Amino acid sequence: MRKAGHVMKHGNSSSPEGNNSTEPQTSVTRKVLLVEDDEDIRFLLKRYFRRMKIEVMEAGTLGEAATFLDQLDENVLVTLDLNLPDGSGFDFLSTIIAANKKCPVIVCSAYSDRAEKALELGAKEFLPKPIQFDELGEVVKPYLK
């Protein structure tokens, strides 16, 4: 079993380490959808991503998150809480996968015992709460290039 505070990655996710690709940089604007019911956490995440010049969309419930479904593609990173007022983040993760959306999903939850299920359902990463922003930076880096 992994220790609390350590990120778990999907087995087939690519790693940014040592990636000295000569591919041209794309001019695609990167976006983040924050699905988090805790307003304080959502505020901190929003501020963090905006400092990185990333466009932020936000939702505090599954219902709000569903309104963004049509906008999700490979250029949108989703950070997803599991315990939301109107249901489980696993439901939204399953919806994203079923809709064949190519966006990477990072599950952020205080319930570390749910990491394996999140990865099995298609999340690229699992980040335990409380969120450590240095750890968050390392986790999101490969998805925001």
N, C-alpha and C. Protein backbone atom coordinates (compact mmCIF):
# COMPACT_ATOMS: atom_id res chain seq x y z
N MET A 1 0.85 -1.18 0.00
CA MET A 1 0.00 0.00 0.00
C MET A 1 0.88 1.23 0.00
N ARG A 2 0.47 2.24 -0.72
CA ARG A 2 1.29 3.43 -0.80
C ARG A 2 1.11 4.31 0.42
N LYS A 3 2.07 5.16 0.66
CA LYS A 3 2.00 6.08 1.78
C LYS A 3 1.16 7.29 1.41
N ALA A 4 0.48 7.84 2.40
CA ALA A 4 -0.31 9.06 2.16
C ALA A 4 0.64 10.16 1.70
N GLY A 5 0.14 10.98 0.81
CA GLY A 5 0.96 12.08 0.32
C GLY A 5 1.72 11.76 -0.94
N HIS A 6 1.61 10.54 -1.43
CA HIS A 6 2.31 10.16 -2.66
C HIS A 6 1.33 10.04 -3.80
N VAL A 7 1.69 10.57 -4.91
CA VAL A 7 0.85 10.54 -6.09
C VAL A 7 0.87 9.15 -6.69
N MET A 8 -0.28 8.70 -7.14
CA MET A 8 -0.37 7.45 -7.89
C MET A 8 -0.68 7.80 -9.32
N LYS A 9 -0.02 7.11 -10.25
CA LYS A 9 -0.20 7.36 -11.68
C LYS A 9 -0.79 6.16 -12.36
N HIS A 10 -1.54 6.44 -13.41
CA HIS A 10 -2.07 5.38 -14.26
C HIS A 10 -0.88 4.67 -14.89
N GLY A 11 -0.92 3.38 -15.00
CA GLY A 11 0.20 2.59 -15.48
C GLY A 11 0.73 2.98 -16.83
N ASN A 12 -0.11 3.49 -17.72
CA ASN A 12 0.34 3.82 -19.07
C ASN A 12 0.52 5.30 -19.30
N SER A 13 0.53 6.10 -18.24
CA SER A 13 0.67 7.54 -18.45
C SER A 13 2.10 7.87 -18.83
N SER A 14 2.25 8.88 -19.65
CA SER A 14 3.59 9.27 -20.06
C SER A 14 4.23 10.10 -18.98
N SER A 15 5.52 10.07 -18.94
CA SER A 15 6.27 10.78 -17.93
C SER A 15 7.02 11.94 -18.55
N PRO A 16 7.04 13.09 -17.85
CA PRO A 16 7.75 14.23 -18.41
C PRO A 16 9.25 14.16 -18.23
N GLU A 17 9.72 13.28 -17.36
CA GLU A 17 11.14 13.23 -17.07
C GLU A 17 11.92 12.85 -18.32
N GLY A 18 12.92 13.63 -18.60
CA GLY A 18 13.81 13.31 -19.71
C GLY A 18 13.17 13.52 -21.06
N ASN A 19 12.08 14.20 -21.14
CA ASN A 19 11.41 14.42 -22.41
C ASN A 19 12.01 15.65 -23.08
N ASN A 20 12.98 15.42 -23.93
CA ASN A 20 13.61 16.50 -24.68
C ASN A 20 13.14 16.46 -26.11
N SER A 21 11.84 16.38 -26.28
CA SER A 21 11.24 16.24 -27.59
C SER A 21 11.58 17.43 -28.47
N THR A 22 11.77 17.15 -29.75
CA THR A 22 12.03 18.23 -30.70
C THR A 22 10.76 18.61 -31.43
N GLU A 23 9.60 18.11 -30.95
CA GLU A 23 8.34 18.47 -31.56
C GLU A 23 8.10 19.96 -31.39
N PRO A 24 7.49 20.60 -32.40
CA PRO A 24 7.21 22.02 -32.26
C PRO A 24 6.16 22.26 -31.18
N GLN A 25 6.29 23.38 -30.49
CA GLN A 25 5.32 23.74 -29.48
C GLN A 25 4.03 24.17 -30.18
N THR A 26 2.91 23.69 -29.68
CA THR A 26 1.64 24.09 -30.26
C THR A 26 1.19 25.38 -29.59
N SER A 27 0.34 26.12 -30.28
CA SER A 27 -0.15 27.37 -29.72
C SER A 27 -1.53 27.19 -29.10
N VAL A 28 -1.90 25.95 -28.81
CA VAL A 28 -3.21 25.66 -28.24
C VAL A 28 -3.27 26.20 -26.81
N THR A 29 -4.35 26.89 -26.51
CA THR A 29 -4.56 27.38 -25.16
C THR A 29 -4.97 26.21 -24.27
N ARG A 30 -4.27 26.04 -23.18
CA ARG A 30 -4.60 24.97 -22.25
C ARG A 30 -5.64 25.48 -21.27
N LYS A 31 -6.51 24.58 -20.85
CA LYS A 31 -7.56 24.92 -19.91
C LYS A 31 -7.61 23.87 -18.81
N VAL A 32 -8.17 24.28 -17.67
CA VAL A 32 -8.38 23.37 -16.56
C VAL A 32 -9.83 23.50 -16.12
N LEU A 33 -10.46 22.36 -15.90
CA LEU A 33 -11.78 22.33 -15.27
C LEU A 33 -11.58 21.82 -13.85
N LEU A 34 -11.89 22.68 -12.88
CA LEU A 34 -11.80 22.32 -11.47
C LEU A 34 -13.17 21.86 -11.00
N VAL A 35 -13.28 20.61 -10.61
CA VAL A 35 -14.53 20.08 -10.05
C VAL A 35 -14.26 19.83 -8.57
N GLU A 36 -14.68 20.79 -7.76
CA GLU A 36 -14.35 20.79 -6.33
C GLU A 36 -15.44 21.56 -5.60
N ASP A 37 -16.06 20.94 -4.59
CA ASP A 37 -17.13 21.62 -3.86
C ASP A 37 -16.63 22.56 -2.78
N ASP A 38 -15.43 22.37 -2.29
CA ASP A 38 -14.88 23.24 -1.25
C ASP A 38 -14.41 24.54 -1.90
N GLU A 39 -15.10 25.63 -1.58
CA GLU A 39 -14.80 26.91 -2.22
C GLU A 39 -13.38 27.39 -1.95
N ASP A 40 -12.86 27.14 -0.75
CA ASP A 40 -11.50 27.57 -0.43
C ASP A 40 -10.47 26.83 -1.28
N ILE A 41 -10.64 25.52 -1.40
CA ILE A 41 -9.72 24.73 -2.23
C ILE A 41 -9.83 25.15 -3.69
N ARG A 42 -11.07 25.34 -4.15
CA ARG A 42 -11.28 25.75 -5.54
C ARG A 42 -10.63 27.11 -5.80
N PHE A 43 -10.75 28.04 -4.85
CA PHE A 43 -10.12 29.35 -4.99
C PHE A 43 -8.61 29.22 -5.11
N LEU A 44 -8.00 28.42 -4.25
CA LEU A 44 -6.55 28.25 -4.28
C LEU A 44 -6.09 27.60 -5.58
N LEU A 45 -6.82 26.58 -6.02
CA LEU A 45 -6.47 25.92 -7.29
C LEU A 45 -6.62 26.89 -8.46
N LYS A 46 -7.70 27.66 -8.45
CA LYS A 46 -7.93 28.63 -9.52
C LYS A 46 -6.78 29.64 -9.58
N ARG A 47 -6.41 30.15 -8.43
CA ARG A 47 -5.31 31.12 -8.37
C ARG A 47 -4.00 30.49 -8.86
N TYR A 48 -3.75 29.25 -8.45
CA TYR A 48 -2.54 28.54 -8.86
C TYR A 48 -2.46 28.43 -10.38
N PHE A 49 -3.54 27.97 -11.01
CA PHE A 49 -3.53 27.78 -12.46
C PHE A 49 -3.52 29.10 -13.22
N ARG A 50 -4.20 30.10 -12.71
CA ARG A 50 -4.19 31.40 -13.40
C ARG A 50 -2.81 32.03 -13.39
N ARG A 51 -2.05 31.79 -12.34
CA ARG A 51 -0.67 32.29 -12.31
C ARG A 51 0.17 31.63 -13.39
N MET A 52 -0.24 30.44 -13.80
CA MET A 52 0.45 29.72 -14.88
C MET A 52 -0.11 30.11 -16.25
N LYS A 53 -1.00 31.10 -16.27
CA LYS A 53 -1.63 31.57 -17.52
C LYS A 53 -2.52 30.50 -18.14
N ILE A 54 -3.16 29.71 -17.30
CA ILE A 54 -4.06 28.65 -17.74
C ILE A 54 -5.49 29.14 -17.53
N GLU A 55 -6.32 28.99 -18.56
CA GLU A 55 -7.74 29.35 -18.43
C GLU A 55 -8.42 28.36 -17.49
N VAL A 56 -9.22 28.87 -16.56
CA VAL A 56 -9.85 28.03 -15.55
C VAL A 56 -11.37 28.06 -15.69
N MET A 57 -11.94 26.87 -15.73
CA MET A 57 -13.39 26.69 -15.63
C MET A 57 -13.61 25.99 -14.29
N GLU A 58 -14.73 26.26 -13.64
CA GLU A 58 -14.91 25.65 -12.33
C GLU A 58 -16.33 25.20 -12.09
N ALA A 59 -16.45 24.13 -11.29
CA ALA A 59 -17.74 23.56 -10.94
C ALA A 59 -17.67 23.08 -9.49
N GLY A 60 -18.74 23.32 -8.75
CA GLY A 60 -18.81 22.88 -7.36
C GLY A 60 -19.68 21.65 -7.16
N THR A 61 -20.34 21.22 -8.24
CA THR A 61 -21.22 20.05 -8.16
C THR A 61 -21.09 19.24 -9.45
N LEU A 62 -21.62 18.01 -9.42
CA LEU A 62 -21.64 17.20 -10.64
C LEU A 62 -22.51 17.86 -11.70
N GLY A 63 -23.62 18.45 -11.27
CA GLY A 63 -24.50 19.12 -12.21
C GLY A 63 -23.79 20.25 -12.94
N GLU A 64 -23.04 21.05 -12.20
CA GLU A 64 -22.27 22.13 -12.82
C GLU A 64 -21.20 21.57 -13.74
N ALA A 65 -20.53 20.51 -13.30
CA ALA A 65 -19.47 19.90 -14.11
C ALA A 65 -20.02 19.39 -15.43
N ALA A 66 -21.23 18.82 -15.39
CA ALA A 66 -21.84 18.27 -16.61
C ALA A 66 -22.05 19.34 -17.67
N THR A 67 -22.22 20.59 -17.26
CA THR A 67 -22.43 21.66 -18.25
C THR A 67 -21.18 21.93 -19.07
N PHE A 68 -20.04 21.45 -18.62
CA PHE A 68 -18.78 21.65 -19.34
C PHE A 68 -18.41 20.46 -20.22
N LEU A 69 -19.20 19.40 -20.19
CA LEU A 69 -18.84 18.16 -20.88
C LEU A 69 -18.53 18.38 -22.36
N ASP A 70 -19.31 19.19 -23.04
CA ASP A 70 -19.08 19.44 -24.47
C ASP A 70 -17.77 20.16 -24.75
N GLN A 71 -17.21 20.84 -23.75
CA GLN A 71 -15.96 21.58 -23.93
C GLN A 71 -14.72 20.74 -23.65
N LEU A 72 -14.91 19.54 -23.17
CA LEU A 72 -13.77 18.71 -22.78
C LEU A 72 -13.14 18.05 -24.00
N ASP A 73 -11.83 18.23 -24.12
CA ASP A 73 -11.04 17.57 -25.16
C ASP A 73 -9.63 17.41 -24.62
N GLU A 74 -8.70 17.01 -25.49
CA GLU A 74 -7.33 16.75 -25.02
C GLU A 74 -6.63 18.00 -24.51
N ASN A 75 -7.19 19.18 -24.75
CA ASN A 75 -6.58 20.43 -24.30
C ASN A 75 -7.13 20.91 -22.96
N VAL A 76 -7.95 20.11 -22.33
CA VAL A 76 -8.54 20.47 -21.03
C VAL A 76 -8.12 19.43 -20.00
N LEU A 77 -7.49 19.89 -18.94
CA LEU A 77 -7.14 19.04 -17.81
C LEU A 77 -8.27 19.15 -16.79
N VAL A 78 -8.74 18.03 -16.28
CA VAL A 78 -9.79 18.03 -15.27
C VAL A 78 -9.19 17.62 -13.93
N THR A 79 -9.40 18.45 -12.90
CA THR A 79 -9.09 18.02 -11.54
C THR A 79 -10.43 17.72 -10.89
N LEU A 80 -10.54 16.55 -10.29
CA LEU A 80 -11.84 16.04 -9.87
C LEU A 80 -11.83 15.56 -8.43
N ASP A 81 -12.66 16.19 -7.62
CA ASP A 81 -12.91 15.73 -6.25
C ASP A 81 -13.87 14.56 -6.33
N LEU A 82 -13.83 13.67 -5.35
CA LEU A 82 -14.73 12.52 -5.37
C LEU A 82 -16.02 12.73 -4.59
N ASN A 83 -15.95 13.45 -3.49
CA ASN A 83 -17.14 13.68 -2.67
C ASN A 83 -17.74 15.03 -3.00
N LEU A 84 -18.81 15.00 -3.76
CA LEU A 84 -19.49 16.22 -4.18
C LEU A 84 -20.91 16.20 -3.62
N PRO A 85 -21.52 17.37 -3.46
CA PRO A 85 -22.82 17.43 -2.80
C PRO A 85 -23.92 16.64 -3.51
N ASP A 86 -23.81 16.49 -4.82
CA ASP A 86 -24.87 15.80 -5.56
C ASP A 86 -24.43 14.44 -6.11
N GLY A 87 -23.35 13.88 -5.56
CA GLY A 87 -22.94 12.55 -5.97
C GLY A 87 -21.44 12.34 -5.92
N SER A 88 -21.01 11.27 -6.56
CA SER A 88 -19.60 10.88 -6.54
C SER A 88 -18.87 11.36 -7.79
N GLY A 89 -17.66 11.83 -7.60
CA GLY A 89 -16.82 12.19 -8.73
C GLY A 89 -16.56 11.01 -9.66
N PHE A 90 -16.67 9.80 -9.13
CA PHE A 90 -16.52 8.61 -9.98
C PHE A 90 -17.56 8.62 -11.10
N ASP A 91 -18.76 9.15 -10.79
CA ASP A 91 -19.81 9.22 -11.82
C ASP A 91 -19.39 10.12 -12.97
N PHE A 92 -18.80 11.28 -12.64
CA PHE A 92 -18.36 12.20 -13.70
C PHE A 92 -17.19 11.60 -14.46
N LEU A 93 -16.28 10.94 -13.76
CA LEU A 93 -15.16 10.28 -14.42
C LEU A 93 -15.68 9.24 -15.41
N SER A 94 -16.65 8.45 -15.00
CA SER A 94 -17.24 7.45 -15.90
C SER A 94 -17.93 8.10 -17.09
N THR A 95 -18.58 9.23 -16.87
CA THR A 95 -19.23 9.96 -17.95
C THR A 95 -18.21 10.46 -18.97
N ILE A 96 -17.09 10.99 -18.47
CA ILE A 96 -16.02 11.47 -19.36
C ILE A 96 -15.49 10.32 -20.22
N ILE A 97 -15.23 9.19 -19.59
CA ILE A 97 -14.69 8.04 -20.31
C ILE A 97 -15.71 7.51 -21.32
N ALA A 98 -16.98 7.38 -20.89
CA ALA A 98 -18.03 6.86 -21.77
C ALA A 98 -18.25 7.76 -22.98
N ALA A 99 -18.05 9.06 -22.80
CA ALA A 99 -18.23 10.02 -23.90
C ALA A 99 -16.99 10.08 -24.80
N ASN A 100 -16.01 9.22 -24.51
CA ASN A 100 -14.78 9.15 -25.28
C ASN A 100 -14.04 10.48 -25.33
N LYS A 101 -14.08 11.20 -24.22
CA LYS A 101 -13.35 12.46 -24.12
C LYS A 101 -11.88 12.12 -23.90
N LYS A 102 -11.01 12.89 -24.52
CA LYS A 102 -9.57 12.61 -24.46
C LYS A 102 -8.86 13.44 -23.39
N CYS A 103 -9.62 14.12 -22.55
CA CYS A 103 -9.00 14.99 -21.55
C CYS A 103 -8.41 14.16 -20.41
N PRO A 104 -7.24 14.54 -19.94
CA PRO A 104 -6.67 13.87 -18.77
C PRO A 104 -7.42 14.29 -17.51
N VAL A 105 -7.63 13.34 -16.61
CA VAL A 105 -8.33 13.60 -15.36
C VAL A 105 -7.40 13.27 -14.20
N ILE A 106 -7.26 14.21 -13.28
CA ILE A 106 -6.51 14.00 -12.05
C ILE A 106 -7.52 14.03 -10.91
N VAL A 107 -7.64 12.92 -10.21
CA VAL A 107 -8.54 12.85 -9.07
C VAL A 107 -7.80 13.36 -7.84
N CYS A 108 -8.43 14.29 -7.12
CA CYS A 108 -7.87 14.84 -5.89
C CYS A 108 -8.85 14.52 -4.77
N SER A 109 -8.40 13.73 -3.80
CA SER A 109 -9.31 13.31 -2.75
C SER A 109 -8.56 13.01 -1.46
N ALA A 110 -9.25 13.25 -0.35
CA ALA A 110 -8.70 12.90 0.95
C ALA A 110 -8.81 11.40 1.21
N TYR A 111 -9.59 10.71 0.38
CA TYR A 111 -9.80 9.28 0.54
C TYR A 111 -8.81 8.51 -0.32
N SER A 112 -7.61 8.36 0.20
CA SER A 112 -6.53 7.72 -0.55
C SER A 112 -6.83 6.26 -0.90
N ASP A 113 -7.72 5.63 -0.15
CA ASP A 113 -8.06 4.24 -0.45
C ASP A 113 -8.85 4.11 -1.75
N ARG A 114 -9.26 5.23 -2.32
CA ARG A 114 -10.00 5.20 -3.58
C ARG A 114 -9.11 5.43 -4.80
N ALA A 115 -7.82 5.55 -4.58
CA ALA A 115 -6.89 5.83 -5.67
C ALA A 115 -6.91 4.74 -6.73
N GLU A 116 -6.86 3.50 -6.31
CA GLU A 116 -6.81 2.40 -7.27
C GLU A 116 -8.06 2.38 -8.15
N LYS A 117 -9.22 2.59 -7.54
CA LYS A 117 -10.46 2.61 -8.32
C LYS A 117 -10.44 3.76 -9.32
N ALA A 118 -9.97 4.93 -8.88
CA ALA A 118 -9.92 6.09 -9.78
C ALA A 118 -9.06 5.79 -11.00
N LEU A 119 -7.92 5.18 -10.78
CA LEU A 119 -7.01 4.85 -11.89
C LEU A 119 -7.61 3.77 -12.78
N GLU A 120 -8.28 2.80 -12.17
CA GLU A 120 -8.92 1.74 -12.96
C GLU A 120 -10.03 2.30 -13.86
N LEU A 121 -10.72 3.33 -13.37
CA LEU A 121 -11.82 3.93 -14.13
C LEU A 121 -11.32 4.87 -15.24
N GLY A 122 -10.02 5.19 -15.22
CA GLY A 122 -9.47 6.00 -16.30
C GLY A 122 -8.79 7.29 -15.91
N ALA A 123 -8.73 7.61 -14.62
CA ALA A 123 -7.99 8.79 -14.20
C ALA A 123 -6.51 8.60 -14.53
N LYS A 124 -5.84 9.67 -14.91
CA LYS A 124 -4.41 9.59 -15.22
C LYS A 124 -3.57 9.63 -13.95
N GLU A 125 -4.06 10.34 -12.94
CA GLU A 125 -3.31 10.52 -11.70
C GLU A 125 -4.28 10.56 -10.53
N PHE A 126 -3.75 10.29 -9.34
CA PHE A 126 -4.49 10.46 -8.10
C PHE A 126 -3.62 11.30 -7.18
N LEU A 127 -4.15 12.40 -6.71
CA LEU A 127 -3.41 13.31 -5.84
C LEU A 127 -4.15 13.39 -4.50
N PRO A 128 -3.50 12.98 -3.41
CA PRO A 128 -4.19 13.01 -2.12
C PRO A 128 -4.33 14.43 -1.57
N LYS A 129 -5.40 14.63 -0.83
CA LYS A 129 -5.60 15.88 -0.09
C LYS A 129 -5.11 15.66 1.32
N PRO A 130 -4.62 16.67 1.99
CA PRO A 130 -4.55 18.05 1.51
C PRO A 130 -3.53 18.18 0.38
N ILE A 131 -3.87 19.00 -0.58
CA ILE A 131 -3.04 19.18 -1.77
C ILE A 131 -1.77 19.94 -1.41
N GLN A 132 -0.65 19.37 -1.81
CA GLN A 132 0.64 20.04 -1.69
C GLN A 132 0.94 20.65 -3.05
N PHE A 133 1.08 21.96 -3.12
CA PHE A 133 1.16 22.60 -4.43
C PHE A 133 2.45 22.29 -5.19
N ASP A 134 3.54 21.98 -4.49
CA ASP A 134 4.74 21.56 -5.22
C ASP A 134 4.49 20.20 -5.89
N GLU A 135 3.79 19.32 -5.20
CA GLU A 135 3.44 18.02 -5.75
C GLU A 135 2.44 18.19 -6.90
N LEU A 136 1.48 19.08 -6.74
CA LEU A 136 0.51 19.36 -7.80
C LEU A 136 1.23 19.82 -9.06
N GLY A 137 2.21 20.70 -8.89
CA GLY A 137 2.96 21.20 -10.04
C GLY A 137 3.63 20.09 -10.83
N GLU A 138 4.21 19.14 -10.13
CA GLU A 138 4.86 18.02 -10.81
C GLU A 138 3.86 17.12 -11.51
N VAL A 139 2.69 16.95 -10.90
CA VAL A 139 1.67 16.09 -11.47
C VAL A 139 1.07 16.70 -12.73
N VAL A 140 0.79 17.99 -12.72
CA VAL A 140 0.09 18.61 -13.86
C VAL A 140 1.03 19.00 -15.00
N LYS A 141 2.31 19.11 -14.71
CA LYS A 141 3.27 19.59 -15.72
C LYS A 141 3.16 18.89 -17.07
N PRO A 142 3.11 17.56 -17.14
CA PRO A 142 3.07 16.92 -18.46
C PRO A 142 1.77 17.17 -19.22
N TYR A 143 0.73 17.57 -18.53
CA TYR A 143 -0.56 17.76 -19.17
C TYR A 143 -0.81 19.20 -19.60
N LEU A 144 0.06 20.11 -19.20
CA LEU A 144 -0.14 21.52 -19.50
C LEU A 144 0.91 22.08 -20.43
N LYS A 145 1.59 21.24 -21.18
CA LYS A 145 2.62 21.70 -22.11
C LYS A 145 2.01 22.08 -23.43
